[in-house]
Amino acid sequence: MSSVIKALDLLNYFSVTQPEIGLSHLCRLAGRDKATTHRHLQALELAGLVEQNSSTKQYRLGPAVLQLAQTREATVPRKSGTERPLRDLATVTGETAHATVLSGTTLYGLAACESPRHATRAIIDLDRFPLHATASGLCALAFGPTGLMDTALSDFTKFTETTATTPYALQEALAAAHTTGFGRADRSYETEIHSLSAPLFDHTGQCAGAVSVASVATRFTPTLEQTIKQNLVIAARDITHNWGGTVPLTVETLWAKFCPAPQELEPAS
């Protein structure tokens, strides 16, 4: 790994839940010595990618990251294309709707919308989604590039008692996604959450992410499942169109067959 890549890799440790990180803690997270980590931080600071809080002496993302994010969204819009579909999805299901975007072998959280219908609801605060333990991750594995499987097989972190922690268990979950067109995570990442997910596609024709509904498990009923699946199909089509793509006929066929109230197939482009 080059010095540039090692420096840029430090940016991945910052998140909404961990916006500031001290030098010693960052050394532990990255598994590097203090001199090397400090040198990399200095390079990132010169580029405006990180800055040091003068009060806490901890590091946080710098203003250049915001500029890059704005340029990315303006030239390759992703988040804006999810806003209305996620709002509609959360409204009709009464649960939390969210979208993820696939970049390389990493599935990033993109946007979320909570329904105000219930006081208790799923909170989406992940920056990166585990491929083996989330509905979004299973969608990416089932419909994304084959190289993702190597990434998933390299990390079987156990989050709950139902997390897939063996290749066989993961293949079973993927078989269900391949058969139905939906990823399902039944309390496999959080013990209180049951999630369903549908794949998203962009102008390349490849899987570019997933749209999901995270439900409080005690509210998850067969009726709610029907409602979620029907509206995931609608949201997946809308977001895919907003991203310049078309849902593949193979996926549309699965939805028509296994969605409880099948939608009419979209015409293939």
C-alpha atoms as a PDB file:
ATOM      1  CA  MET A   1       0.000   0.000   0.000  1.00  0.00           C
ATOM      2  CA  SER A   2       1.476   3.345  -1.060  1.00  0.00           C
ATOM      3  CA  SER A   3       1.980   6.248   1.329  1.00  0.00           C
ATOM      4  CA  VAL A   4      -0.742   8.237  -0.465  1.00  0.00           C
ATOM      5  CA  ILE A   5      -3.274   5.427  -0.070  1.00  0.00           C
ATOM      6  CA  LYS A   6      -2.342   4.975   3.586  1.00  0.00           C
ATOM      7  CA  ALA A   7      -2.877   8.677   4.219  1.00  0.00           C
ATOM      8  CA  LEU A   8      -6.222   8.785   2.422  1.00  0.00           C
ATOM      9  CA  ASP A   9      -7.335   5.623   4.209  1.00  0.00           C
ATOM     10  CA  LEU A  10      -7.313   7.561   7.495  1.00  0.00           C
ATOM     11  CA  LEU A  11     -10.337   9.526   6.254  1.00  0.00           C
ATOM     12  CA  ASN A  12     -12.446   6.366   6.469  1.00  0.00           C
ATOM     13  CA  TYR A  13     -12.249   6.372  10.269  1.00  0.00           C
ATOM     14  CA  PHE A  14     -14.208   9.624  10.594  1.00  0.00           C
ATOM     15  CA  SER A  15     -17.991   9.325  10.778  1.00  0.00           C
ATOM     16  CA  VAL A  16     -21.110  10.989  12.119  1.00  0.00           C
ATOM     17  CA  THR A  17     -20.727   9.047  15.358  1.00  0.00           C
ATOM     18  CA  GLN A  18     -16.972   9.688  15.490  1.00  0.00           C
ATOM     19  CA  PRO A  19     -16.444  13.144  13.944  1.00  0.00           C
ATOM     20  CA  GLU A  20     -13.241  13.912  15.844  1.00  0.00           C
ATOM     21  CA  ILE A  21     -10.359  11.543  16.563  1.00  0.00           C
ATOM     22  CA  GLY A  22      -7.174  12.118  18.521  1.00  0.00           C
ATOM     23  CA  LEU A  23      -3.774  11.072  17.205  1.00  0.00           C
ATOM     24  CA  SER A  24      -3.308   8.179  19.651  1.00  0.00           C
ATOM     25  CA  HIS A  25      -6.762   6.779  18.988  1.00  0.00           C
ATOM     26  CA  LEU A  26      -6.269   7.061  15.228  1.00  0.00           C
ATOM     27  CA  CYS A  27      -2.987   5.167  15.578  1.00  0.00           C
ATOM     28  CA  ARG A  28      -4.840   2.338  17.304  1.00  0.00           C
ATOM     29  CA  LEU A  29      -7.659   2.316  14.744  1.00  0.00           C
ATOM     30  CA  ALA A  30      -5.267   2.246  11.792  1.00  0.00           C
ATOM     31  CA  GLY A  31      -2.736  -0.069  13.439  1.00  0.00           C
ATOM     32  CA  ARG A  32       0.152   2.304  12.703  1.00  0.00           C
ATOM     33  CA  ASP A  33       2.880   3.989  14.723  1.00  0.00           C
ATOM     34  CA  LYS A  34       2.500   7.572  15.907  1.00  0.00           C
ATOM     35  CA  ALA A  35       5.218   9.082  13.711  1.00  0.00           C
ATOM     36  CA  THR A  36       3.764   7.616  10.497  1.00  0.00           C
ATOM     37  CA  THR A  37       0.187   8.527  11.384  1.00  0.00           C
ATOM     38  CA  HIS A  38       1.177  12.080  12.298  1.00  0.00           C
ATOM     39  CA  ARG A  39       3.048  12.460   9.011  1.00  0.00           C
ATOM     40  CA  HIS A  40      -0.010  11.287   7.067  1.00  0.00           C
ATOM     41  CA  LEU A  41      -2.263  13.651   9.002  1.00  0.00           C
ATOM     42  CA  GLN A  42       0.027  16.566   8.243  1.00  0.00           C
ATOM     43  CA  ALA A  43      -0.209  15.774   4.517  1.00  0.00           C
ATOM     44  CA  LEU A  44      -4.007  15.570   4.711  1.00  0.00           C
ATOM     45  CA  GLU A  45      -4.105  18.829   6.663  1.00  0.00           C
ATOM     46  CA  LEU A  46      -2.053  20.623   3.996  1.00  0.00           C
ATOM     47  CA  ALA A  47      -4.551  19.413   1.388  1.00  0.00           C
ATOM     48  CA  GLY A  48      -7.494  20.635   3.491  1.00  0.00           C
ATOM     49  CA  LEU A  49      -8.845  17.115   3.893  1.00  0.00           C
ATOM     50  CA  VAL A  50      -8.521  17.198   7.685  1.00  0.00           C
ATOM     51  CA  GLU A  51      -8.128  19.950  10.232  1.00  0.00           C
ATOM     52  CA  GLN A  52      -7.224  20.028  13.903  1.00  0.00           C
ATOM     53  CA  ASN A  53      -9.703  21.377  16.414  1.00  0.00           C
ATOM     54  CA  SER A  54      -7.754  24.046  18.275  1.00  0.00           C
ATOM     55  CA  SER A  55      -9.729  23.392  21.470  1.00  0.00           C
ATOM     56  CA  THR A  56      -9.618  19.597  21.651  1.00  0.00           C
ATOM     57  CA  LYS A  57      -6.456  19.024  19.555  1.00  0.00           C
ATOM     58  CA  GLN A  58      -8.351  16.239  17.849  1.00  0.00           C
ATOM     59  CA  TYR A  59      -8.630  15.867  14.090  1.00  0.00           C
ATOM     60  CA  ARG A  60     -11.797  16.157  11.997  1.00  0.00           C
ATOM     61  CA  LEU A  61     -12.644  16.239   8.292  1.00  0.00           C
ATOM     62  CA  GLY A  62     -11.574  19.439   6.584  1.00  0.00           C
ATOM     63  CA  PRO A  63     -13.367  21.853   4.243  1.00  0.00           C
ATOM     64  CA  ALA A  64     -11.894  20.266   1.097  1.00  0.00           C
ATOM     65  CA  VAL A  65     -14.005  17.165   1.754  1.00  0.00           C
ATOM     66  CA  LEU A  66     -17.181  19.264   1.542  1.00  0.00           C
ATOM     67  CA  GLN A  67     -16.060  20.767  -1.749  1.00  0.00           C
ATOM     68  CA  LEU A  68     -15.308  17.324  -3.172  1.00  0.00           C
ATOM     69  CA  ALA A  69     -18.665  15.972  -1.950  1.00  0.00           C
ATOM     70  CA  GLN A  70     -20.532  18.861  -3.551  1.00  0.00           C
ATOM     71  CA  THR A  71     -18.679  18.370  -6.834  1.00  0.00           C
ATOM     72  CA  ARG A  72     -19.397  14.648  -6.768  1.00  0.00           C
ATOM     73  CA  GLU A  73     -23.131  15.175  -6.156  1.00  0.00           C
ATOM     74  CA  ALA A  74     -23.336  17.877  -8.828  1.00  0.00           C
ATOM     75  CA  THR A  75     -21.618  15.753 -11.469  1.00  0.00           C
ATOM     76  CA  VAL A  76     -22.757  12.266 -10.428  1.00  0.00           C
ATOM     77  CA  PRO A  77     -26.013  12.894  -8.543  1.00  0.00           C
ATOM     78  CA  ARG A  78     -26.951  10.135  -6.172  1.00  0.00           C
ATOM     79  CA  LYS A  79     -28.364  11.554  -2.942  1.00  0.00           C
ATOM     80  CA  SER A  80     -30.771  13.990  -4.610  1.00  0.00           C
ATOM     81  CA  GLY A  81     -32.214  11.138  -6.662  1.00  0.00           C
ATOM     82  CA  THR A  82     -33.264   9.284  -3.506  1.00  0.00           C
ATOM     83  CA  GLU A  83     -34.991  12.048  -1.549  1.00  0.00           C
ATOM     84  CA  ARG A  84     -38.568  11.872  -2.862  1.00  0.00           C
ATOM     85  CA  PRO A  85     -38.671   8.048  -3.207  1.00  0.00           C
ATOM     86  CA  LEU A  86     -37.371   7.621   0.340  1.00  0.00           C
ATOM     87  CA  ARG A  87     -39.870  10.122   1.701  1.00  0.00           C
ATOM     88  CA  ASP A  88     -42.738   8.318  -0.059  1.00  0.00           C
ATOM     89  CA  LEU A  89     -41.449   4.935   1.097  1.00  0.00           C
ATOM     90  CA  ALA A  90     -41.225   6.013   4.737  1.00  0.00           C
ATOM     91  CA  THR A  91     -44.687   7.603   4.582  1.00  0.00           C
ATOM     92  CA  VAL A  92     -46.505   4.591   3.172  1.00  0.00           C
ATOM     93  CA  THR A  93     -44.713   1.942   5.283  1.00  0.00           C
ATOM     94  CA  GLY A  94     -44.511   3.890   8.530  1.00  0.00           C
ATOM     95  CA  GLU A  95     -40.918   2.698   8.922  1.00  0.00           C
ATOM     96  CA  THR A  96     -37.427   4.032   8.209  1.00  0.00           C
ATOM     97  CA  ALA A  97     -36.399   4.080   4.548  1.00  0.00           C
ATOM     98  CA  HIS A  98     -32.786   4.428   3.505  1.00  0.00           C
ATOM     99  CA  ALA A  99     -30.479   4.085   0.513  1.00  0.00           C
ATOM    100  CA  THR A 100     -26.910   2.906   0.116  1.00  0.00           C
ATOM    101  CA  VAL A 101     -24.424   3.402  -2.704  1.00  0.00           C
ATOM    102  CA  LEU A 102     -21.807   0.891  -3.815  1.00  0.00           C
ATOM    103  CA  SER A 103     -18.279   2.140  -4.486  1.00  0.00           C
ATOM    104  CA  GLY A 104     -15.705  -0.509  -5.267  1.00  0.00           C
ATOM    105  CA  THR A 105     -16.184  -3.171  -2.618  1.00  0.00           C
ATOM    106  CA  THR A 106     -17.661  -0.838   0.006  1.00  0.00           C
ATOM    107  CA  LEU A 107     -21.339  -0.136   0.569  1.00  0.00           C
ATOM    108  CA  TYR A 108     -21.804   3.380   1.935  1.00  0.00           C
ATOM    109  CA  GLY A 109     -24.829   4.896   3.646  1.00  0.00           C
ATOM    110  CA  LEU A 110     -26.249   7.610   1.386  1.00  0.00           C
ATOM    111  CA  ALA A 111     -29.564   8.919   2.749  1.00  0.00           C
ATOM    112  CA  ALA A 112     -32.311   8.001   5.212  1.00  0.00           C
ATOM    113  CA  CYS A 113     -35.838   9.117   6.013  1.00  0.00           C
ATOM    114  CA  GLU A 114     -37.685   8.248   9.208  1.00  0.00           C
ATOM    115  CA  SER A 115     -41.454   8.036   9.427  1.00  0.00           C
ATOM    116  CA  PRO A 116     -43.040  10.063  12.234  1.00  0.00           C
ATOM    117  CA  ARG A 117     -45.833   7.498  12.560  1.00  0.00           C
ATOM    118  CA  HIS A 118     -44.212   5.657  15.483  1.00  0.00           C
ATOM    119  CA  ALA A 119     -42.262   6.963  18.449  1.00  0.00           C
ATOM    120  CA  THR A 120     -40.003   3.898  18.306  1.00  0.00           C
ATOM    121  CA  ARG A 121     -38.277   3.521  14.955  1.00  0.00           C
ATOM    122  CA  ALA A 122     -35.071   2.354  13.344  1.00  0.00           C
ATOM    123  CA  ILE A 123     -32.205   4.862  13.376  1.00  0.00           C
ATOM    124  CA  ILE A 124     -29.773   4.561  10.477  1.00  0.00           C
ATOM    125  CA  ASP A 125     -26.379   5.867  11.543  1.00  0.00           C
ATOM    126  CA  LEU A 126     -24.050   3.585   9.599  1.00  0.00           C
ATOM    127  CA  ASP A 127     -21.425   5.014   7.275  1.00  0.00           C
ATOM    128  CA  ARG A 128     -20.496   1.617   5.848  1.00  0.00           C
ATOM    129  CA  PHE A 129     -22.811  -1.389   5.720  1.00  0.00           C
ATOM    130  CA  PRO A 130     -21.544  -4.917   6.455  1.00  0.00           C
ATOM    131  CA  LEU A 131     -22.168  -7.029   3.358  1.00  0.00           C
ATOM    132  CA  HIS A 132     -22.978 -10.218   5.258  1.00  0.00           C
ATOM    133  CA  ALA A 133     -25.233  -8.793   7.976  1.00  0.00           C
ATOM    134  CA  THR A 134     -27.530  -6.199   6.376  1.00  0.00           C
ATOM    135  CA  ALA A 135     -30.315  -6.400   3.805  1.00  0.00           C
ATOM    136  CA  SER A 136     -28.526  -3.746   1.743  1.00  0.00           C
ATOM    137  CA  GLY A 137     -25.320  -5.758   1.846  1.00  0.00           C
ATOM    138  CA  LEU A 138     -27.063  -8.943   0.763  1.00  0.00           C
ATOM    139  CA  CYS A 139     -28.605  -7.075  -2.193  1.00  0.00           C
ATOM    140  CA  ALA A 140     -25.179  -5.840  -3.222  1.00  0.00           C
ATOM    141  CA  LEU A 141     -23.753  -9.352  -2.963  1.00  0.00           C
ATOM    142  CA  ALA A 142     -26.657 -10.929  -4.835  1.00  0.00           C
ATOM    143  CA  PHE A 143     -26.846  -8.440  -7.710  1.00  0.00           C
ATOM    144  CA  GLY A 144     -23.483  -6.669  -7.670  1.00  0.00           C
ATOM    145  CA  PRO A 145     -20.045  -7.619  -9.016  1.00  0.00           C
ATOM    146  CA  THR A 146     -18.684 -11.053  -8.135  1.00  0.00           C
ATOM    147  CA  GLY A 147     -15.618  -9.540  -6.482  1.00  0.00           C
ATOM    148  CA  LEU A 148     -17.762  -8.422  -3.555  1.00  0.00           C
ATOM    149  CA  MET A 149     -17.980 -12.001  -2.318  1.00  0.00           C
ATOM    150  CA  ASP A 150     -14.273 -12.086  -1.485  1.00  0.00           C
ATOM    151  CA  THR A 151     -14.752  -8.976   0.651  1.00  0.00           C
ATOM    152  CA  ALA A 152     -17.737 -10.500   2.441  1.00  0.00           C
ATOM    153  CA  LEU A 153     -15.952 -13.788   3.084  1.00  0.00           C
ATOM    154  CA  SER A 154     -13.032 -11.948   4.665  1.00  0.00           C
ATOM    155  CA  ASP A 155     -15.151 -10.489   7.468  1.00  0.00           C
ATOM    156  CA  PHE A 156     -17.764 -12.522   9.313  1.00  0.00           C
ATOM    157  CA  THR A 157     -18.145 -10.204  12.283  1.00  0.00           C
ATOM    158  CA  LYS A 158     -20.948 -11.474  14.509  1.00  0.00           C
ATOM    159  CA  PHE A 159     -23.391  -8.717  15.426  1.00  0.00           C
ATOM    160  CA  THR A 160     -26.313 -10.803  16.730  1.00  0.00           C
ATOM    161  CA  GLU A 161     -27.244 -14.437  17.191  1.00  0.00           C
ATOM    162  CA  THR A 162     -28.690 -14.560  13.653  1.00  0.00           C
ATOM    163  CA  THR A 163     -25.726 -12.986  11.820  1.00  0.00           C
ATOM    164  CA  ALA A 164     -24.382 -15.193   9.034  1.00  0.00           C
ATOM    165  CA  THR A 165     -20.923 -16.197  10.251  1.00  0.00           C
ATOM    166  CA  THR A 166     -20.109 -19.007   7.812  1.00  0.00           C
ATOM    167  CA  PRO A 167     -19.952 -19.219   4.012  1.00  0.00           C
ATOM    168  CA  TYR A 168     -22.846 -21.685   4.070  1.00  0.00           C
ATOM    169  CA  ALA A 169     -25.119 -19.359   6.055  1.00  0.00           C
ATOM    170  CA  LEU A 170     -24.234 -16.463   3.767  1.00  0.00           C
ATOM    171  CA  GLN A 171     -24.962 -18.527   0.667  1.00  0.00           C
ATOM    172  CA  GLU A 172     -28.383 -19.422   2.099  1.00  0.00           C
ATOM    173  CA  ALA A 173     -29.212 -15.739   2.566  1.00  0.00           C
ATOM    174  CA  LEU A 174     -27.998 -14.950  -0.943  1.00  0.00           C
ATOM    175  CA  ALA A 175     -30.019 -17.803  -2.424  1.00  0.00           C
ATOM    176  CA  ALA A 176     -33.168 -16.213  -1.002  1.00  0.00           C
ATOM    177  CA  ALA A 177     -32.218 -12.839  -2.514  1.00  0.00           C
ATOM    178  CA  HIS A 178     -31.459 -14.416  -5.897  1.00  0.00           C
ATOM    179  CA  THR A 179     -34.821 -16.162  -5.811  1.00  0.00           C
ATOM    180  CA  THR A 180     -37.037 -13.253  -4.752  1.00  0.00           C
ATOM    181  CA  GLY A 181     -35.210 -10.083  -5.799  1.00  0.00           C
ATOM    182  CA  PHE A 182     -35.153  -8.814  -2.198  1.00  0.00           C
ATOM    183  CA  GLY A 183     -32.457  -8.890   0.469  1.00  0.00           C
ATOM    184  CA  ARG A 184     -33.627  -9.730   3.970  1.00  0.00           C
ATOM    185  CA  ALA A 185     -31.895  -9.190   7.312  1.00  0.00           C
ATOM    186  CA  ASP A 186     -33.984 -10.570  10.151  1.00  0.00           C
ATOM    187  CA  ARG A 187     -32.328  -9.166  13.292  1.00  0.00           C
ATOM    188  CA  SER A 188     -28.911 -10.061  11.871  1.00  0.00           C
ATOM    189  CA  TYR A 189     -27.321  -6.650  12.430  1.00  0.00           C
ATOM    190  CA  GLU A 190     -29.461  -5.292  15.261  1.00  0.00           C
ATOM    191  CA  THR A 191     -31.615  -7.500  17.449  1.00  0.00           C
ATOM    192  CA  GLU A 192     -34.607  -5.168  17.181  1.00  0.00           C
ATOM    193  CA  ILE A 193     -34.584  -4.573  13.416  1.00  0.00           C
ATOM    194  CA  HIS A 194     -36.010  -6.548  10.488  1.00  0.00           C
ATOM    195  CA  SER A 195     -35.003  -5.121   7.093  1.00  0.00           C
ATOM    196  CA  LEU A 196     -35.941  -5.697   3.463  1.00  0.00           C
ATOM    197  CA  SER A 197     -33.990  -4.311   0.529  1.00  0.00           C
ATOM    198  CA  ALA A 198     -34.154  -4.013  -3.257  1.00  0.00           C
ATOM    199  CA  PRO A 199     -31.203  -3.431  -5.606  1.00  0.00           C
ATOM    200  CA  LEU A 200     -30.566  -0.163  -7.449  1.00  0.00           C
ATOM    201  CA  PHE A 201     -28.945   0.235 -10.865  1.00  0.00           C
ATOM    202  CA  ASP A 202     -27.309   3.153 -12.678  1.00  0.00           C
ATOM    203  CA  HIS A 203     -26.476   4.123 -16.258  1.00  0.00           C
ATOM    204  CA  THR A 204     -23.798   1.424 -16.476  1.00  0.00           C
ATOM    205  CA  GLY A 205     -26.427  -1.285 -16.022  1.00  0.00           C
ATOM    206  CA  GLN A 206     -24.640  -2.509 -12.913  1.00  0.00           C
ATOM    207  CA  CYS A 207     -25.920  -2.694  -9.350  1.00  0.00           C
ATOM    208  CA  ALA A 208     -25.060   0.658  -7.784  1.00  0.00           C
ATOM    209  CA  GLY A 209     -26.580   0.286  -4.329  1.00  0.00           C
ATOM    210  CA  ALA A 210     -29.804  -0.638  -2.568  1.00  0.00           C
ATOM    211  CA  VAL A 211     -32.979   0.886  -1.173  1.00  0.00           C
ATOM    212  CA  SER A 212     -34.237  -0.544   2.099  1.00  0.00           C
ATOM    213  CA  VAL A 213     -36.871  -0.365   4.788  1.00  0.00           C
ATOM    214  CA  ALA A 214     -35.726  -1.002   8.348  1.00  0.00           C
ATOM    215  CA  SER A 215     -38.657  -2.031  10.545  1.00  0.00           C
ATOM    216  CA  VAL A 216     -38.937  -2.486  14.276  1.00  0.00           C
ATOM    217  CA  ALA A 217     -39.037  -6.291  14.411  1.00  0.00           C
ATOM    218  CA  THR A 218     -42.014  -6.484  16.764  1.00  0.00           C
ATOM    219  CA  ARG A 219     -44.095  -4.562  14.187  1.00  0.00           C
ATOM    220  CA  PHE A 220     -43.061  -6.726  11.258  1.00  0.00           C
ATOM    221  CA  THR A 221     -46.111  -8.692  10.106  1.00  0.00           C
ATOM    222  CA  PRO A 222     -47.017 -10.458   6.837  1.00  0.00           C
ATOM    223  CA  THR A 223     -49.241  -7.492   5.946  1.00  0.00           C
ATOM    224  CA  LEU A 224     -46.435  -5.001   6.556  1.00  0.00           C
ATOM    225  CA  GLU A 225     -44.069  -7.201   4.548  1.00  0.00           C
ATOM    226  CA  GLN A 226     -46.444  -7.044   1.555  1.00  0.00           C
ATOM    227  CA  THR A 227     -46.660  -3.270   1.820  1.00  0.00           C
ATOM    228  CA  ILE A 228     -42.899  -2.890   2.099  1.00  0.00           C
ATOM    229  CA  LYS A 229     -42.142  -5.141  -0.864  1.00  0.00           C
ATOM    230  CA  GLN A 230     -44.681  -3.457  -3.114  1.00  0.00           C
ATOM    231  CA  ASN A 231     -43.312  -0.017  -2.332  1.00  0.00           C
ATOM    232  CA  LEU A 232     -39.663  -1.077  -2.436  1.00  0.00           C
ATOM    233  CA  VAL A 233     -40.284  -2.036  -6.063  1.00  0.00           C
ATOM    234  CA  ILE A 234     -41.706   1.418  -6.766  1.00  0.00           C
ATOM    235  CA  ALA A 235     -38.836   3.171  -4.968  1.00  0.00           C
ATOM    236  CA  ALA A 236     -36.172   1.005  -6.620  1.00  0.00           C
ATOM    237  CA  ARG A 237     -37.556   1.814 -10.062  1.00  0.00           C
ATOM    238  CA  ASP A 238     -37.759   5.534  -9.300  1.00  0.00           C
ATOM    239  CA  ILE A 239     -34.239   5.814  -7.884  1.00  0.00           C
ATOM    240  CA  THR A 240     -32.795   3.664 -10.663  1.00  0.00           C
ATOM    241  CA  HIS A 241     -34.409   5.986 -13.232  1.00  0.00           C
ATOM    242  CA  ASN A 242     -33.073   9.027 -11.361  1.00  0.00           C
ATOM    243  CA  TRP A 243     -29.608   7.482 -11.544  1.00  0.00           C
ATOM    244  CA  GLY A 244     -29.953   7.029 -15.307  1.00  0.00           C
ATOM    245  CA  GLY A 245     -30.485   3.292 -15.183  1.00  0.00           C
ATOM    246  CA  THR A 246     -33.104   0.634 -15.866  1.00  0.00           C
ATOM    247  CA  VAL A 247     -33.977  -2.323 -13.642  1.00  0.00           C
ATOM    248  CA  PRO A 248     -32.848  -5.500 -15.462  1.00  0.00           C
ATOM    249  CA  LEU A 249     -35.629  -7.710 -16.786  1.00  0.00           C
ATOM    250  CA  THR A 250     -34.330 -10.607 -14.680  1.00  0.00           C
ATOM    251  CA  VAL A 251     -34.924  -8.608 -11.501  1.00  0.00           C
ATOM    252  CA  GLU A 252     -38.297  -7.306 -12.696  1.00  0.00           C
ATOM    253  CA  THR A 253     -39.333 -10.907 -13.357  1.00  0.00           C
ATOM    254  CA  LEU A 254     -38.417 -11.918  -9.813  1.00  0.00           C
ATOM    255  CA  TRP A 255     -40.405  -9.029  -8.363  1.00  0.00           C
ATOM    256  CA  ALA A 256     -43.422  -9.894 -10.509  1.00  0.00           C
ATOM    257  CA  LYS A 257     -43.261 -13.506  -9.345  1.00  0.00           C
ATOM    258  CA  PHE A 258     -42.540 -13.095  -5.654  1.00  0.00           C
ATOM    259  CA  CYS A 259     -43.938  -9.700  -4.724  1.00  0.00           C
ATOM    260  CA  PRO A 260     -47.313 -10.431  -3.021  1.00  0.00           C
ATOM    261  CA  ALA A 261     -49.112  -7.947  -5.291  1.00  0.00           C
ATOM    262  CA  PRO A 262     -47.003  -8.095  -8.455  1.00  0.00           C
ATOM    263  CA  GLN A 263     -46.414  -4.887 -10.323  1.00  0.00           C
ATOM    264  CA  GLU A 264     -46.553  -4.750 -14.096  1.00  0.00           C
ATOM    265  CA  LEU A 265     -43.121  -5.339 -15.600  1.00  0.00           C
ATOM    266  CA  GLU A 266     -41.298  -2.271 -16.747  1.00  0.00           C
ATOM    267  CA  PRO A 267     -40.432  -2.256 -20.432  1.00  0.00           C
ATOM    268  CA  ALA A 268     -36.779  -3.095 -20.962  1.00  0.00           C
ATOM    269  CA  SER A 269     -34.698  -0.337 -22.465  1.00  0.00           C
END
